[in-house]
Amino acid sequence: MELLTVDSFKAKVFDYSQGGDWDFKGERPAIIDFYADWCGPCKMQSNIFEQVNKTVNETSIKIAPIYKFDVESDRVFASEMGIRSIPTIKLYKNGQVVESVTGVIPKPQVIDKLQKLLV
């Protein structure tokens, strides 16, 4: 998992400061976990993502990259991204947000969602 800042979000996901239509910068589908360090459910989701990464590293399962963005680092940006509560997980594919989930996603569903992004 890679922690995103506003600048790395602009470089790897979408440079919203340029205006215009949503244009995902990544070459592969991705998942972004919008979280805060003080959030209990966010910590649970982070542990699930760590378990997913460990499972993936031990197998030949191929998944989309997982990014994390701390909403406390820039609340205005989080609001612009439509984050109203956390954790919020956004799945990106073909330049679009294909799914947005608020709340904790169990490990089997995370793996399933990540695999489906690559299909």
N, C-alpha and C. Protein backbone atom coordinates (compact mmCIF):
# COMPACT_ATOMS: atom_id res chain seq x y z
N MET A 1 0.84 -1.18 0.00
CA MET A 1 0.00 0.00 0.00
C MET A 1 0.88 1.23 0.00
N GLU A 2 0.46 2.20 -0.75
CA GLU A 2 1.23 3.43 -0.85
C GLU A 2 0.40 4.60 -0.33
N LEU A 3 1.00 5.38 0.56
CA LEU A 3 0.34 6.55 1.11
C LEU A 3 0.43 7.69 0.11
N LEU A 4 -0.72 8.27 -0.23
CA LEU A 4 -0.76 9.38 -1.17
C LEU A 4 -0.82 10.71 -0.43
N THR A 5 -0.17 11.69 -1.01
CA THR A 5 -0.33 13.08 -0.61
C THR A 5 -1.19 13.73 -1.69
N VAL A 6 -1.55 14.98 -1.52
CA VAL A 6 -2.31 15.66 -2.58
C VAL A 6 -1.49 15.68 -3.86
N ASP A 7 -0.18 15.97 -3.75
CA ASP A 7 0.66 16.03 -4.94
C ASP A 7 0.79 14.67 -5.64
N SER A 8 0.98 13.60 -4.87
CA SER A 8 1.09 12.30 -5.52
C SER A 8 -0.26 11.84 -6.05
N PHE A 9 -1.36 12.27 -5.41
CA PHE A 9 -2.69 11.98 -5.94
C PHE A 9 -2.83 12.63 -7.31
N LYS A 10 -2.42 13.89 -7.41
CA LYS A 10 -2.49 14.60 -8.70
C LYS A 10 -1.66 13.90 -9.77
N ALA A 11 -0.50 13.38 -9.39
CA ALA A 11 0.40 12.74 -10.36
C ALA A 11 -0.06 11.33 -10.74
N LYS A 12 -0.60 10.57 -9.79
CA LYS A 12 -0.90 9.16 -10.04
C LYS A 12 -2.37 8.87 -10.28
N VAL A 13 -3.25 9.76 -9.81
CA VAL A 13 -4.67 9.47 -9.91
C VAL A 13 -5.37 10.50 -10.79
N PHE A 14 -5.45 11.74 -10.33
CA PHE A 14 -6.18 12.76 -11.09
C PHE A 14 -5.73 14.14 -10.63
N ASP A 15 -5.35 14.99 -11.58
CA ASP A 15 -4.97 16.37 -11.24
C ASP A 15 -6.23 17.23 -11.31
N TYR A 16 -6.95 17.26 -10.22
CA TYR A 16 -8.21 17.97 -10.14
C TYR A 16 -8.03 19.48 -10.24
N SER A 17 -6.82 19.99 -9.97
CA SER A 17 -6.59 21.43 -9.99
C SER A 17 -6.63 22.00 -11.40
N GLN A 18 -6.52 21.14 -12.40
CA GLN A 18 -6.55 21.58 -13.79
C GLN A 18 -7.97 21.71 -14.33
N GLY A 19 -8.94 21.27 -13.54
CA GLY A 19 -10.33 21.34 -13.97
C GLY A 19 -10.62 20.29 -15.05
N GLY A 20 -11.77 20.38 -15.63
CA GLY A 20 -12.13 19.45 -16.69
C GLY A 20 -12.69 18.15 -16.16
N ASP A 21 -12.90 17.23 -17.08
CA ASP A 21 -13.46 15.93 -16.73
C ASP A 21 -12.45 15.09 -15.98
N TRP A 22 -12.98 14.17 -15.21
CA TRP A 22 -12.15 13.23 -14.47
C TRP A 22 -11.27 12.47 -15.45
N ASP A 23 -9.96 12.43 -15.19
CA ASP A 23 -9.03 11.72 -16.06
C ASP A 23 -8.04 10.97 -15.19
N PHE A 24 -8.31 9.70 -14.95
CA PHE A 24 -7.46 8.87 -14.10
C PHE A 24 -6.09 8.73 -14.73
N LYS A 25 -5.04 9.04 -13.98
CA LYS A 25 -3.68 9.01 -14.49
C LYS A 25 -3.06 7.62 -14.50
N GLY A 26 -3.57 6.73 -13.67
CA GLY A 26 -2.96 5.41 -13.56
C GLY A 26 -3.15 4.57 -14.81
N GLU A 27 -2.18 3.71 -15.05
CA GLU A 27 -2.27 2.80 -16.19
C GLU A 27 -3.09 1.57 -15.85
N ARG A 28 -3.13 1.21 -14.59
CA ARG A 28 -3.89 0.05 -14.13
C ARG A 28 -5.01 0.51 -13.23
N PRO A 29 -6.06 -0.31 -13.11
CA PRO A 29 -7.09 0.00 -12.13
C PRO A 29 -6.47 0.10 -10.73
N ALA A 30 -7.14 0.79 -9.84
CA ALA A 30 -6.60 0.98 -8.49
C ALA A 30 -7.73 1.13 -7.49
N ILE A 31 -7.35 1.00 -6.23
CA ILE A 31 -8.27 1.24 -5.13
C ILE A 31 -7.63 2.27 -4.22
N ILE A 32 -8.44 3.22 -3.74
CA ILE A 32 -7.93 4.23 -2.81
C ILE A 32 -8.76 4.19 -1.54
N ASP A 33 -8.06 4.07 -0.43
CA ASP A 33 -8.66 4.03 0.89
C ASP A 33 -8.52 5.43 1.50
N PHE A 34 -9.63 6.13 1.64
CA PHE A 34 -9.63 7.43 2.31
C PHE A 34 -9.89 7.17 3.78
N TYR A 35 -8.95 7.58 4.64
CA TYR A 35 -8.98 7.20 6.05
C TYR A 35 -8.46 8.33 6.94
N ALA A 36 -8.52 8.12 8.26
CA ALA A 36 -7.86 8.99 9.24
C ALA A 36 -7.26 8.09 10.31
N ASP A 37 -6.14 8.51 10.87
CA ASP A 37 -5.43 7.71 11.88
C ASP A 37 -6.27 7.46 13.14
N TRP A 38 -7.14 8.40 13.50
CA TRP A 38 -7.93 8.28 14.72
C TRP A 38 -9.17 7.41 14.56
N CYS A 39 -9.48 7.00 13.34
CA CYS A 39 -10.72 6.29 13.02
C CYS A 39 -10.58 4.78 13.26
N GLY A 40 -11.36 4.24 14.21
CA GLY A 40 -11.32 2.81 14.52
C GLY A 40 -11.64 1.92 13.33
N PRO A 41 -12.76 2.15 12.62
CA PRO A 41 -13.05 1.33 11.45
C PRO A 41 -11.97 1.44 10.36
N CYS A 42 -11.35 2.62 10.26
CA CYS A 42 -10.27 2.79 9.28
C CYS A 42 -9.09 1.89 9.63
N LYS A 43 -8.79 1.77 10.92
CA LYS A 43 -7.70 0.88 11.36
C LYS A 43 -8.04 -0.56 11.04
N MET A 44 -9.31 -0.94 11.23
CA MET A 44 -9.74 -2.30 10.87
C MET A 44 -9.55 -2.54 9.38
N GLN A 45 -9.94 -1.56 8.55
CA GLN A 45 -9.80 -1.70 7.10
C GLN A 45 -8.33 -1.77 6.71
N SER A 46 -7.50 -0.97 7.36
CA SER A 46 -6.07 -1.00 7.07
C SER A 46 -5.48 -2.38 7.36
N ASN A 47 -5.89 -2.98 8.49
CA ASN A 47 -5.42 -4.33 8.81
C ASN A 47 -5.87 -5.33 7.75
N ILE A 48 -7.09 -5.17 7.26
CA ILE A 48 -7.59 -6.06 6.21
C ILE A 48 -6.74 -5.89 4.94
N PHE A 49 -6.44 -4.66 4.57
CA PHE A 49 -5.60 -4.43 3.39
C PHE A 49 -4.22 -5.04 3.57
N GLU A 50 -3.65 -4.94 4.78
CA GLU A 50 -2.35 -5.55 5.05
C GLU A 50 -2.44 -7.07 4.90
N GLN A 51 -3.52 -7.68 5.39
CA GLN A 51 -3.72 -9.12 5.23
C GLN A 51 -3.84 -9.49 3.76
N VAL A 52 -4.57 -8.66 3.00
CA VAL A 52 -4.72 -8.91 1.56
C VAL A 52 -3.36 -8.87 0.88
N ASN A 53 -2.56 -7.86 1.20
CA ASN A 53 -1.23 -7.75 0.60
C ASN A 53 -0.37 -8.96 0.96
N LYS A 54 -0.45 -9.42 2.21
CA LYS A 54 0.32 -10.59 2.63
C LYS A 54 -0.15 -11.82 1.86
N THR A 55 -1.45 -12.00 1.74
CA THR A 55 -2.01 -13.13 0.99
C THR A 55 -1.55 -13.08 -0.46
N VAL A 56 -1.61 -11.91 -1.06
CA VAL A 56 -1.22 -11.76 -2.45
C VAL A 56 0.27 -12.06 -2.64
N ASN A 57 1.09 -11.60 -1.71
CA ASN A 57 2.53 -11.85 -1.81
C ASN A 57 2.87 -13.33 -1.68
N GLU A 58 2.02 -14.10 -1.03
CA GLU A 58 2.26 -15.53 -0.83
C GLU A 58 1.66 -16.38 -1.94
N THR A 59 0.91 -15.76 -2.85
CA THR A 59 0.26 -16.50 -3.93
C THR A 59 0.56 -15.84 -5.27
N SER A 60 -0.05 -16.37 -6.29
CA SER A 60 0.11 -15.79 -7.62
C SER A 60 -1.08 -14.91 -7.99
N ILE A 61 -1.91 -14.57 -6.98
CA ILE A 61 -3.06 -13.70 -7.24
C ILE A 61 -2.55 -12.33 -7.68
N LYS A 62 -3.15 -11.82 -8.73
CA LYS A 62 -2.78 -10.50 -9.22
C LYS A 62 -3.91 -9.55 -8.86
N ILE A 63 -3.57 -8.43 -8.22
CA ILE A 63 -4.60 -7.46 -7.83
C ILE A 63 -4.20 -6.06 -8.27
N ALA A 64 -5.15 -5.16 -8.22
CA ALA A 64 -4.89 -3.76 -8.51
C ALA A 64 -4.15 -3.13 -7.33
N PRO A 65 -3.38 -2.07 -7.57
CA PRO A 65 -2.69 -1.42 -6.46
C PRO A 65 -3.65 -0.78 -5.47
N ILE A 66 -3.22 -0.73 -4.21
CA ILE A 66 -4.01 -0.10 -3.15
C ILE A 66 -3.26 1.14 -2.69
N TYR A 67 -3.93 2.28 -2.74
CA TYR A 67 -3.39 3.53 -2.25
C TYR A 67 -4.17 3.95 -1.02
N LYS A 68 -3.57 4.80 -0.18
CA LYS A 68 -4.24 5.33 1.01
C LYS A 68 -4.09 6.85 1.00
N PHE A 69 -5.15 7.54 1.42
CA PHE A 69 -5.09 8.98 1.56
C PHE A 69 -5.67 9.37 2.91
N ASP A 70 -4.85 10.04 3.72
CA ASP A 70 -5.27 10.50 5.05
C ASP A 70 -6.08 11.78 4.89
N VAL A 71 -7.38 11.70 5.13
CA VAL A 71 -8.25 12.85 4.93
C VAL A 71 -7.90 14.02 5.85
N GLU A 72 -7.24 13.74 6.95
CA GLU A 72 -6.83 14.81 7.87
C GLU A 72 -5.71 15.66 7.28
N SER A 73 -4.99 15.13 6.30
CA SER A 73 -3.89 15.89 5.71
C SER A 73 -4.39 17.02 4.82
N ASP A 74 -5.62 16.91 4.32
CA ASP A 74 -6.21 17.97 3.51
C ASP A 74 -7.72 17.76 3.45
N ARG A 75 -8.42 18.38 4.36
CA ARG A 75 -9.87 18.20 4.45
C ARG A 75 -10.60 18.79 3.25
N VAL A 76 -10.08 19.88 2.69
CA VAL A 76 -10.71 20.48 1.52
C VAL A 76 -10.64 19.50 0.35
N PHE A 77 -9.48 18.92 0.15
CA PHE A 77 -9.30 17.93 -0.91
C PHE A 77 -10.25 16.75 -0.70
N ALA A 78 -10.32 16.23 0.51
CA ALA A 78 -11.20 15.10 0.81
C ALA A 78 -12.64 15.46 0.47
N SER A 79 -13.05 16.66 0.81
CA SER A 79 -14.40 17.11 0.49
C SER A 79 -14.61 17.19 -1.02
N GLU A 80 -13.62 17.69 -1.74
CA GLU A 80 -13.70 17.77 -3.19
C GLU A 80 -13.81 16.38 -3.82
N MET A 81 -13.25 15.38 -3.16
CA MET A 81 -13.32 14.00 -3.66
C MET A 81 -14.61 13.31 -3.24
N GLY A 82 -15.48 14.05 -2.53
CA GLY A 82 -16.77 13.52 -2.15
C GLY A 82 -16.75 12.65 -0.91
N ILE A 83 -15.71 12.77 -0.10
CA ILE A 83 -15.60 11.97 1.12
C ILE A 83 -16.43 12.64 2.21
N ARG A 84 -17.46 11.93 2.67
CA ARG A 84 -18.35 12.45 3.71
C ARG A 84 -18.19 11.70 5.02
N SER A 85 -17.76 10.45 4.93
CA SER A 85 -17.46 9.67 6.13
C SER A 85 -16.36 8.68 5.77
N ILE A 86 -15.73 8.14 6.80
CA ILE A 86 -14.60 7.25 6.59
C ILE A 86 -14.77 5.97 7.38
N PRO A 87 -14.15 4.90 6.95
CA PRO A 87 -13.38 4.79 5.72
C PRO A 87 -14.29 4.80 4.49
N THR A 88 -13.79 5.42 3.44
CA THR A 88 -14.42 5.36 2.13
C THR A 88 -13.40 4.77 1.18
N ILE A 89 -13.82 3.76 0.45
CA ILE A 89 -12.97 3.07 -0.50
C ILE A 89 -13.50 3.39 -1.89
N LYS A 90 -12.63 3.89 -2.77
CA LYS A 90 -13.03 4.17 -4.15
C LYS A 90 -12.22 3.29 -5.08
N LEU A 91 -12.92 2.65 -6.02
CA LEU A 91 -12.29 1.79 -7.00
C LEU A 91 -12.31 2.49 -8.35
N TYR A 92 -11.15 2.56 -8.98
CA TYR A 92 -10.98 3.28 -10.24
C TYR A 92 -10.61 2.32 -11.36
N LYS A 93 -11.27 2.49 -12.52
CA LYS A 93 -10.95 1.67 -13.68
C LYS A 93 -11.33 2.46 -14.93
N ASN A 94 -10.47 2.40 -15.93
CA ASN A 94 -10.71 3.07 -17.21
C ASN A 94 -11.06 4.55 -17.02
N GLY A 95 -10.34 5.19 -16.12
CA GLY A 95 -10.52 6.61 -15.92
C GLY A 95 -11.74 7.02 -15.12
N GLN A 96 -12.44 6.06 -14.54
CA GLN A 96 -13.66 6.36 -13.83
C GLN A 96 -13.69 5.72 -12.44
N VAL A 97 -14.45 6.34 -11.55
CA VAL A 97 -14.75 5.69 -10.28
C VAL A 97 -15.85 4.69 -10.59
N VAL A 98 -15.54 3.39 -10.44
CA VAL A 98 -16.54 2.36 -10.75
C VAL A 98 -17.32 1.91 -9.53
N GLU A 99 -16.77 2.19 -8.35
CA GLU A 99 -17.48 1.84 -7.13
C GLU A 99 -16.92 2.67 -5.97
N SER A 100 -17.81 3.05 -5.08
CA SER A 100 -17.42 3.76 -3.87
C SER A 100 -18.15 3.08 -2.70
N VAL A 101 -17.38 2.66 -1.70
CA VAL A 101 -17.94 1.94 -0.57
C VAL A 101 -17.55 2.67 0.71
N THR A 102 -18.53 2.94 1.56
CA THR A 102 -18.26 3.53 2.86
C THR A 102 -18.40 2.44 3.92
N GLY A 103 -17.41 2.38 4.81
CA GLY A 103 -17.42 1.35 5.84
C GLY A 103 -16.37 0.29 5.56
N VAL A 104 -16.28 -0.66 6.47
CA VAL A 104 -15.26 -1.70 6.39
C VAL A 104 -15.69 -2.78 5.39
N ILE A 105 -14.77 -3.17 4.51
CA ILE A 105 -15.00 -4.24 3.55
C ILE A 105 -14.22 -5.46 4.02
N PRO A 106 -14.87 -6.61 4.22
CA PRO A 106 -14.17 -7.82 4.66
C PRO A 106 -13.15 -8.30 3.63
N LYS A 107 -12.14 -9.03 4.11
CA LYS A 107 -11.03 -9.48 3.27
C LYS A 107 -11.48 -10.20 2.00
N PRO A 108 -12.39 -11.19 2.06
CA PRO A 108 -12.79 -11.88 0.82
C PRO A 108 -13.39 -10.92 -0.22
N GLN A 109 -14.16 -9.94 0.26
CA GLN A 109 -14.75 -8.97 -0.67
C GLN A 109 -13.69 -8.04 -1.25
N VAL A 110 -12.69 -7.67 -0.45
CA VAL A 110 -11.61 -6.83 -0.96
C VAL A 110 -10.88 -7.56 -2.09
N ILE A 111 -10.51 -8.81 -1.87
CA ILE A 111 -9.81 -9.59 -2.90
C ILE A 111 -10.67 -9.71 -4.14
N ASP A 112 -11.95 -10.00 -3.96
CA ASP A 112 -12.87 -10.13 -5.08
C ASP A 112 -12.96 -8.83 -5.87
N LYS A 113 -13.12 -7.71 -5.18
CA LYS A 113 -13.23 -6.42 -5.85
C LYS A 113 -11.94 -6.07 -6.60
N LEU A 114 -10.79 -6.34 -5.99
CA LEU A 114 -9.52 -6.03 -6.64
C LEU A 114 -9.30 -6.91 -7.87
N GLN A 115 -9.65 -8.16 -7.78
CA GLN A 115 -9.51 -9.05 -8.93
C GLN A 115 -10.45 -8.63 -10.06
N LYS A 116 -11.68 -8.24 -9.73
CA LYS A 116 -12.64 -7.82 -10.75
C LYS A 116 -12.18 -6.55 -11.46
N LEU A 117 -11.46 -5.69 -10.76
CA LEU A 117 -10.94 -4.48 -11.40
C LEU A 117 -9.99 -4.81 -12.54
N LEU A 118 -9.30 -5.94 -12.44
CA LEU A 118 -8.30 -6.29 -13.46
C LEU A 118 -8.89 -7.06 -14.63
N VAL A 119 -10.17 -7.43 -14.53
CA VAL A 119 -10.82 -8.18 -15.62
C VAL A 119 -11.24 -7.23 -16.72
